[in-house]
Amino acid sequence: MGQKLPGPSRSVVSREVPKPFADMHVPPAARRWTTRAALAIVVAAVIGYLPGQVLRRDPRSAKLEAQLAELDVEAKELAARNAELAREIDALRNDVGAIEDRARADLGMVYPDEIVLRVGTPTVTP
């Protein structure tokens, strides 16, 4: 055989790749285009999916909007009632006729020279 070289002995080991993996070499250009195609599909899916999610109406928001509309109607009714009460309070503070009407209706007050006639449905006692 031949001469040995000084130093640690190194033996060259032949590494054989198993047959199924030996044929799996993919050229860089094909790998690059496959990656680009996969990314294009992912981007297309995201572009198609996100607007649908954004534009789709959430049922919770529809419920909240309905509640908001009901509360707006209730607030308008309460504001009208408050305005009516404010007018009545102003009338009771400043208008003697309003005080008289209120005393007659709520307290049943009459002037001393007035005659009170109550008209109602007759009650039948058995």
Protein backbone atom coordinates (compact mmCIF):
# COMPACT_ATOMS: atom_id res chain seq x y z
CA MET A 1 0.00 0.00 0.00
CA GLY A 2 1.19 3.50 0.31
CA GLN A 3 3.00 5.44 2.90
CA LYS A 4 1.19 6.62 5.98
CA LEU A 5 1.12 10.29 6.69
CA PRO A 6 2.20 11.53 10.09
CA GLY A 7 -0.51 12.57 12.53
CA PRO A 8 -3.74 11.02 13.61
CA SER A 9 -5.07 8.48 11.30
CA ARG A 10 -8.21 9.46 9.45
CA SER A 11 -10.22 7.11 7.53
CA VAL A 12 -12.53 8.32 4.84
CA VAL A 13 -15.99 6.95 5.32
CA SER A 14 -18.14 6.78 2.31
CA ARG A 15 -21.59 8.11 3.16
CA GLU A 16 -24.19 6.64 0.95
CA VAL A 17 -27.58 8.32 0.93
CA PRO A 18 -30.54 5.94 1.04
CA LYS A 19 -32.21 5.49 -2.32
CA PRO A 20 -35.56 7.25 -1.57
CA PHE A 21 -33.78 10.46 -0.54
CA ALA A 22 -31.25 10.36 -3.35
CA ASP A 23 -33.79 11.45 -5.94
CA MET A 24 -35.26 14.33 -3.89
CA HIS A 25 -33.01 17.09 -5.07
CA VAL A 26 -35.11 20.05 -6.12
CA PRO A 27 -33.41 22.69 -8.18
CA PRO A 28 -33.32 26.15 -6.53
CA ALA A 29 -35.48 27.77 -9.22
CA ALA A 30 -38.27 25.24 -8.77
CA ARG A 31 -38.09 25.61 -5.01
CA ARG A 32 -38.26 29.38 -5.33
CA TRP A 33 -41.32 29.28 -7.62
CA THR A 34 -43.06 26.72 -5.42
CA THR A 35 -42.51 28.98 -2.43
CA ARG A 36 -43.82 31.99 -4.34
CA ALA A 37 -46.91 30.07 -5.47
CA ALA A 38 -47.61 28.92 -1.90
CA LEU A 39 -47.24 32.45 -0.58
CA ALA A 40 -49.52 33.76 -3.34
CA ILE A 41 -52.19 31.25 -2.34
CA VAL A 42 -51.86 32.24 1.32
CA VAL A 43 -52.10 35.95 0.48
CA ALA A 44 -55.13 35.34 -1.75
CA ALA A 45 -56.85 33.39 1.04
CA VAL A 46 -56.17 36.15 3.54
CA ILE A 47 -57.38 38.85 1.15
CA GLY A 48 -60.54 36.85 0.49
CA TYR A 49 -61.17 35.97 4.13
CA LEU A 50 -60.52 39.22 6.00
CA PRO A 51 -63.00 41.48 4.18
CA GLY A 52 -65.68 38.87 4.77
CA GLN A 53 -64.91 38.92 8.47
CA VAL A 54 -64.85 42.69 8.58
CA LEU A 55 -68.06 43.16 6.58
CA ARG A 56 -69.99 40.39 8.30
CA ARG A 57 -72.23 41.81 10.94
CA ASP A 58 -71.68 40.56 14.44
CA PRO A 59 -74.97 39.46 16.04
CA ARG A 60 -73.92 41.03 19.32
CA SER A 61 -73.55 44.43 17.64
CA ALA A 62 -77.00 44.12 16.06
CA LYS A 63 -78.47 43.34 19.48
CA LEU A 64 -76.68 46.31 21.04
CA GLU A 65 -77.85 48.63 18.25
CA ALA A 66 -81.45 47.51 18.85
CA GLN A 67 -81.06 48.20 22.56
CA LEU A 68 -79.56 51.60 21.74
CA ALA A 69 -82.56 52.45 19.55
CA GLU A 70 -84.96 51.44 22.35
CA LEU A 71 -83.04 53.55 24.84
CA ASP A 72 -83.11 56.54 22.47
CA VAL A 73 -86.91 56.26 22.20
CA GLU A 74 -87.20 55.95 25.99
CA ALA A 75 -84.91 58.96 26.48
CA LYS A 76 -87.05 61.06 24.12
CA GLU A 77 -90.22 60.05 26.00
CA LEU A 78 -88.60 60.93 29.34
CA ALA A 79 -87.37 64.26 27.98
CA ALA A 80 -90.91 65.09 26.82
CA ARG A 81 -92.31 64.10 30.24
CA ASN A 82 -89.66 66.23 31.99
CA ALA A 83 -90.53 69.22 29.81
CA GLU A 84 -94.23 68.75 30.64
CA LEU A 85 -93.46 68.60 34.36
CA ALA A 86 -91.25 71.69 34.11
CA ARG A 87 -94.13 73.60 32.44
CA GLU A 88 -96.52 72.40 35.16
CA ILE A 89 -94.11 73.46 37.93
CA ASP A 90 -93.70 76.87 36.32
CA ALA A 91 -97.47 77.23 36.05
CA LEU A 92 -97.97 76.27 39.71
CA ARG A 93 -95.35 78.81 40.80
CA ASN A 94 -96.67 81.71 38.72
CA ASP A 95 -100.28 81.10 37.68
CA VAL A 96 -103.04 81.36 40.27
CA GLY A 97 -105.52 79.64 37.95
CA ALA A 98 -103.28 76.58 37.71
CA ILE A 99 -103.06 76.42 41.51
CA GLU A 100 -106.86 76.66 41.75
CA ASP A 101 -107.37 73.95 39.14
CA ARG A 102 -104.96 71.67 40.95
CA ALA A 103 -106.61 72.27 44.32
CA ARG A 104 -110.06 71.52 42.86
CA ALA A 105 -108.93 68.36 41.01
CA ASP A 106 -106.59 66.79 43.54
CA LEU A 107 -107.91 68.02 46.90
CA GLY A 108 -111.61 68.48 46.05
CA MET A 109 -111.60 72.08 47.30
CA VAL A 110 -114.46 74.44 46.47
CA TYR A 111 -115.36 78.01 47.30
CA PRO A 112 -117.75 78.43 50.24
CA ASP A 113 -120.65 79.68 48.08
CA GLU A 114 -120.36 76.91 45.44
CA ILE A 115 -122.65 73.90 45.16
CA VAL A 116 -121.00 70.64 44.22
CA LEU A 117 -122.92 68.23 42.03
CA ARG A 118 -121.36 64.83 41.46
CA VAL A 119 -122.55 63.09 38.37
CA GLY A 120 -121.74 59.45 38.10
CA THR A 121 -123.20 56.05 37.37
CA PRO A 122 -125.74 54.90 39.91
CA THR A 123 -124.76 51.93 42.01
CA VAL A 124 -127.30 49.18 42.47
CA THR A 125 -127.34 47.42 45.78
CA PRO A 126 -129.02 44.00 45.88
